[in-house]
Amino acid sequence: MEALIDINTIRPDLLITDLKMPGVDGFELLRTLRANPSFSSMVVVAMTGLSSAEIAERGGLPAQSVTIQKPVDMRWLQGFIAALVAMRQL
């Protein structure tokens, strides 16, 4: 909930979130953010233990969301973020 309150002020280039969090539905969080044009260019990485079928059953994720399975391969995540940073510096 704190992230939703602060996100308009912070305006991150990258959001890393879980899909199942206590008190907050990650699916609804992502749908809400994607509905706001201010966040259309924000890259979203959704970590989850859910299968592709379970994600589809819950309505899927917004386009351009990147899904990574738990346990998260931190080397992959670090490389992904490094590539994003490199692309933004071009």
N, C-alpha and C. Protein backbone atom coordinates (compact mmCIF):
# COMPACT_ATOMS: atom_id res chain seq x y z
N MET A 1 0.82 -1.19 0.00
CA MET A 1 0.00 0.00 0.00
C MET A 1 0.87 1.26 0.00
N GLU A 2 1.98 1.22 0.72
CA GLU A 2 2.87 2.38 0.76
C GLU A 2 3.40 2.71 -0.63
N ALA A 3 3.71 1.67 -1.39
CA ALA A 3 4.22 1.89 -2.75
C ALA A 3 3.18 2.61 -3.61
N LEU A 4 1.92 2.24 -3.49
CA LEU A 4 0.88 2.89 -4.27
C LEU A 4 0.75 4.36 -3.89
N ILE A 5 0.93 4.66 -2.63
CA ILE A 5 0.84 6.04 -2.16
C ILE A 5 2.00 6.86 -2.70
N ASP A 6 3.19 6.29 -2.69
CA ASP A 6 4.40 7.02 -3.06
C ASP A 6 4.75 6.98 -4.54
N ILE A 7 4.15 6.10 -5.29
CA ILE A 7 4.60 5.88 -6.67
C ILE A 7 4.43 7.11 -7.56
N ASN A 8 3.41 7.91 -7.32
CA ASN A 8 3.24 9.13 -8.12
C ASN A 8 4.36 10.12 -7.90
N THR A 9 4.91 10.13 -6.71
CA THR A 9 6.01 11.03 -6.39
C THR A 9 7.34 10.48 -6.89
N ILE A 10 7.55 9.20 -6.70
CA ILE A 10 8.83 8.58 -7.04
C ILE A 10 8.99 8.37 -8.55
N ARG A 11 7.94 7.94 -9.22
CA ARG A 11 7.93 7.66 -10.65
C ARG A 11 9.12 6.79 -11.09
N PRO A 12 9.16 5.55 -10.62
CA PRO A 12 10.30 4.68 -10.97
C PRO A 12 10.28 4.26 -12.43
N ASP A 13 11.47 3.95 -12.95
CA ASP A 13 11.59 3.39 -14.30
C ASP A 13 11.31 1.90 -14.28
N LEU A 14 11.52 1.29 -13.13
CA LEU A 14 11.38 -0.16 -12.96
C LEU A 14 10.63 -0.46 -11.68
N LEU A 15 9.66 -1.36 -11.77
CA LEU A 15 8.94 -1.84 -10.60
C LEU A 15 9.10 -3.35 -10.53
N ILE A 16 9.61 -3.83 -9.40
CA ILE A 16 9.71 -5.26 -9.16
C ILE A 16 8.70 -5.59 -8.08
N THR A 17 7.78 -6.49 -8.38
CA THR A 17 6.72 -6.81 -7.44
C THR A 17 6.42 -8.29 -7.44
N ASP A 18 5.81 -8.72 -6.37
CA ASP A 18 5.30 -10.09 -6.28
C ASP A 18 3.84 -10.03 -6.71
N LEU A 19 3.29 -11.15 -7.12
CA LEU A 19 1.87 -11.18 -7.49
C LEU A 19 0.99 -11.52 -6.30
N LYS A 20 1.53 -12.21 -5.32
CA LYS A 20 0.77 -12.58 -4.13
C LYS A 20 1.44 -11.93 -2.92
N MET A 21 0.79 -10.89 -2.39
CA MET A 21 1.33 -10.18 -1.24
C MET A 21 0.24 -10.04 -0.20
N PRO A 22 0.62 -10.00 1.06
CA PRO A 22 -0.40 -9.85 2.11
C PRO A 22 -1.12 -8.51 1.97
N GLY A 23 -2.43 -8.57 1.84
CA GLY A 23 -3.25 -7.37 1.80
C GLY A 23 -3.30 -6.65 0.46
N VAL A 24 -2.44 -7.02 -0.48
CA VAL A 24 -2.42 -6.35 -1.79
C VAL A 24 -2.39 -7.42 -2.88
N ASP A 25 -3.26 -7.28 -3.84
CA ASP A 25 -3.29 -8.18 -4.98
C ASP A 25 -2.37 -7.61 -6.06
N GLY A 26 -1.29 -8.31 -6.36
CA GLY A 26 -0.34 -7.85 -7.36
C GLY A 26 -0.96 -7.68 -8.73
N PHE A 27 -1.94 -8.52 -9.05
CA PHE A 27 -2.61 -8.41 -10.33
C PHE A 27 -3.33 -7.07 -10.44
N GLU A 28 -4.07 -6.73 -9.39
CA GLU A 28 -4.81 -5.47 -9.38
C GLU A 28 -3.86 -4.28 -9.36
N LEU A 29 -2.76 -4.40 -8.63
CA LEU A 29 -1.74 -3.35 -8.60
C LEU A 29 -1.25 -3.05 -10.01
N LEU A 30 -0.92 -4.09 -10.75
CA LEU A 30 -0.38 -3.90 -12.11
C LEU A 30 -1.44 -3.35 -13.05
N ARG A 31 -2.68 -3.82 -12.93
CA ARG A 31 -3.75 -3.29 -13.78
C ARG A 31 -3.98 -1.80 -13.50
N THR A 32 -3.95 -1.44 -12.23
CA THR A 32 -4.16 -0.04 -11.85
C THR A 32 -3.04 0.84 -12.41
N LEU A 33 -1.81 0.38 -12.29
CA LEU A 33 -0.68 1.16 -12.80
C LEU A 33 -0.73 1.29 -14.32
N ARG A 34 -1.03 0.21 -15.00
CA ARG A 34 -1.07 0.24 -16.47
C ARG A 34 -2.22 1.10 -16.99
N ALA A 35 -3.27 1.29 -16.21
CA ALA A 35 -4.39 2.13 -16.63
C ALA A 35 -4.03 3.61 -16.57
N ASN A 36 -2.95 3.94 -15.88
CA ASN A 36 -2.52 5.32 -15.75
C ASN A 36 -1.43 5.60 -16.79
N PRO A 37 -1.69 6.50 -17.75
CA PRO A 37 -0.71 6.79 -18.80
C PRO A 37 0.66 7.25 -18.28
N SER A 38 0.70 7.79 -17.08
CA SER A 38 1.97 8.25 -16.50
C SER A 38 2.95 7.10 -16.29
N PHE A 39 2.43 5.88 -16.22
CA PHE A 39 3.28 4.72 -15.95
C PHE A 39 3.40 3.79 -17.15
N SER A 40 3.02 4.26 -18.32
CA SER A 40 3.02 3.39 -19.50
C SER A 40 4.42 2.93 -19.90
N SER A 41 5.45 3.71 -19.60
CA SER A 41 6.81 3.32 -19.99
C SER A 41 7.56 2.60 -18.86
N MET A 42 6.94 2.47 -17.71
CA MET A 42 7.59 1.80 -16.58
C MET A 42 7.70 0.30 -16.87
N VAL A 43 8.88 -0.24 -16.68
CA VAL A 43 9.11 -1.67 -16.85
C VAL A 43 8.66 -2.36 -15.57
N VAL A 44 7.90 -3.45 -15.73
CA VAL A 44 7.39 -4.18 -14.57
C VAL A 44 7.92 -5.61 -14.62
N VAL A 45 8.53 -6.02 -13.50
CA VAL A 45 8.96 -7.41 -13.33
C VAL A 45 8.10 -7.99 -12.22
N ALA A 46 7.36 -9.03 -12.55
CA ALA A 46 6.48 -9.69 -11.59
C ALA A 46 7.08 -11.03 -11.20
N MET A 47 7.42 -11.16 -9.91
CA MET A 47 7.95 -12.42 -9.39
C MET A 47 6.77 -13.25 -8.89
N THR A 48 6.83 -14.54 -9.15
CA THR A 48 5.71 -15.38 -8.73
C THR A 48 6.08 -16.85 -8.64
N GLY A 49 5.34 -17.54 -7.83
CA GLY A 49 5.42 -18.99 -7.77
C GLY A 49 4.25 -19.60 -8.54
N LEU A 50 3.38 -18.75 -9.10
CA LEU A 50 2.22 -19.22 -9.85
C LEU A 50 2.65 -19.73 -11.23
N SER A 51 1.94 -20.70 -11.73
CA SER A 51 2.20 -21.20 -13.08
C SER A 51 1.57 -20.25 -14.11
N SER A 52 1.94 -20.43 -15.36
CA SER A 52 1.34 -19.62 -16.44
C SER A 52 -0.16 -19.81 -16.49
N ALA A 53 -0.62 -21.04 -16.27
CA ALA A 53 -2.06 -21.31 -16.27
C ALA A 53 -2.76 -20.58 -15.13
N GLU A 54 -2.14 -20.57 -13.94
CA GLU A 54 -2.74 -19.87 -12.80
C GLU A 54 -2.79 -18.36 -13.04
N ILE A 55 -1.76 -17.83 -13.68
CA ILE A 55 -1.75 -16.41 -14.01
C ILE A 55 -2.87 -16.11 -15.00
N ALA A 56 -3.03 -16.94 -16.01
CA ALA A 56 -4.10 -16.77 -17.00
C ALA A 56 -5.47 -16.84 -16.35
N GLU A 57 -5.66 -17.78 -15.41
CA GLU A 57 -6.94 -17.92 -14.71
C GLU A 57 -7.31 -16.65 -13.93
N ARG A 58 -6.30 -15.91 -13.49
CA ARG A 58 -6.53 -14.68 -12.72
C ARG A 58 -6.61 -13.44 -13.61
N GLY A 59 -6.72 -13.66 -14.91
CA GLY A 59 -6.88 -12.55 -15.84
C GLY A 59 -5.61 -12.13 -16.55
N GLY A 60 -4.52 -12.83 -16.28
CA GLY A 60 -3.26 -12.52 -16.93
C GLY A 60 -2.64 -11.23 -16.42
N LEU A 61 -1.56 -10.86 -17.03
CA LEU A 61 -0.84 -9.64 -16.66
C LEU A 61 -0.91 -8.65 -17.80
N PRO A 62 -0.77 -7.38 -17.49
CA PRO A 62 -0.75 -6.37 -18.56
C PRO A 62 0.38 -6.64 -19.55
N ALA A 63 0.16 -6.22 -20.78
CA ALA A 63 1.19 -6.37 -21.80
C ALA A 63 2.48 -5.72 -21.34
N GLN A 64 3.57 -6.24 -21.77
CA GLN A 64 4.91 -5.74 -21.48
C GLN A 64 5.35 -5.98 -20.04
N SER A 65 4.62 -6.81 -19.30
CA SER A 65 5.09 -7.21 -17.98
C SER A 65 6.02 -8.40 -18.15
N VAL A 66 7.09 -8.41 -17.41
CA VAL A 66 8.04 -9.53 -17.44
C VAL A 66 7.77 -10.39 -16.22
N THR A 67 7.59 -11.68 -16.42
CA THR A 67 7.31 -12.60 -15.33
C THR A 67 8.54 -13.46 -15.07
N ILE A 68 8.94 -13.55 -13.80
CA ILE A 68 10.02 -14.45 -13.44
C ILE A 68 9.53 -15.36 -12.32
N GLN A 69 9.91 -16.61 -12.44
CA GLN A 69 9.47 -17.63 -11.48
C GLN A 69 10.35 -17.62 -10.23
N LYS A 70 9.72 -17.89 -9.11
CA LYS A 70 10.46 -18.08 -7.86
C LYS A 70 10.95 -19.52 -7.81
N PRO A 71 12.05 -19.81 -7.22
CA PRO A 71 12.98 -18.85 -6.65
C PRO A 71 13.66 -18.05 -7.76
N VAL A 72 13.88 -16.77 -7.50
CA VAL A 72 14.42 -15.86 -8.50
C VAL A 72 15.92 -16.10 -8.68
N ASP A 73 16.31 -16.20 -9.93
CA ASP A 73 17.73 -16.31 -10.28
C ASP A 73 18.30 -14.89 -10.22
N MET A 74 18.99 -14.56 -9.16
CA MET A 74 19.47 -13.21 -8.95
C MET A 74 20.48 -12.77 -10.02
N ARG A 75 21.21 -13.71 -10.59
CA ARG A 75 22.14 -13.34 -11.68
C ARG A 75 21.35 -12.86 -12.89
N TRP A 76 20.25 -13.56 -13.19
CA TRP A 76 19.41 -13.14 -14.31
C TRP A 76 18.83 -11.76 -14.04
N LEU A 77 18.31 -11.55 -12.84
CA LEU A 77 17.70 -10.26 -12.49
C LEU A 77 18.73 -9.14 -12.56
N GLN A 78 19.92 -9.38 -12.06
CA GLN A 78 20.98 -8.38 -12.11
C GLN A 78 21.33 -8.05 -13.57
N GLY A 79 21.43 -9.06 -14.41
CA GLY A 79 21.71 -8.84 -15.83
C GLY A 79 20.60 -8.08 -16.53
N PHE A 80 19.36 -8.41 -16.19
CA PHE A 80 18.20 -7.73 -16.77
C PHE A 80 18.23 -6.25 -16.43
N ILE A 81 18.49 -5.94 -15.17
CA ILE A 81 18.53 -4.54 -14.72
C ILE A 81 19.71 -3.82 -15.37
N ALA A 82 20.86 -4.47 -15.45
CA ALA A 82 22.03 -3.86 -16.11
C ALA A 82 21.71 -3.55 -17.58
N ALA A 83 21.00 -4.44 -18.25
CA ALA A 83 20.64 -4.20 -19.65
C ALA A 83 19.68 -3.03 -19.77
N LEU A 84 18.73 -2.91 -18.85
CA LEU A 84 17.80 -1.78 -18.86
C LEU A 84 18.54 -0.46 -18.69
N VAL A 85 19.44 -0.44 -17.74
CA VAL A 85 20.23 0.77 -17.48
C VAL A 85 21.04 1.14 -18.72
N ALA A 86 21.68 0.15 -19.33
CA ALA A 86 22.48 0.40 -20.53
C ALA A 86 21.62 0.96 -21.67
N MET A 87 20.42 0.41 -21.86
CA MET A 87 19.53 0.89 -22.91
C MET A 87 19.08 2.33 -22.66
N ARG A 88 18.85 2.68 -21.43
CA ARG A 88 18.39 4.04 -21.10
C ARG A 88 19.50 5.07 -21.26
N GLN A 89 20.76 4.62 -21.26
CA GLN A 89 21.88 5.53 -21.40
C GLN A 89 22.21 5.84 -22.85
N LEU A 90 21.58 5.10 -23.77
CA LEU A 90 21.85 5.32 -25.21
C LEU A 90 21.23 6.61 -25.69
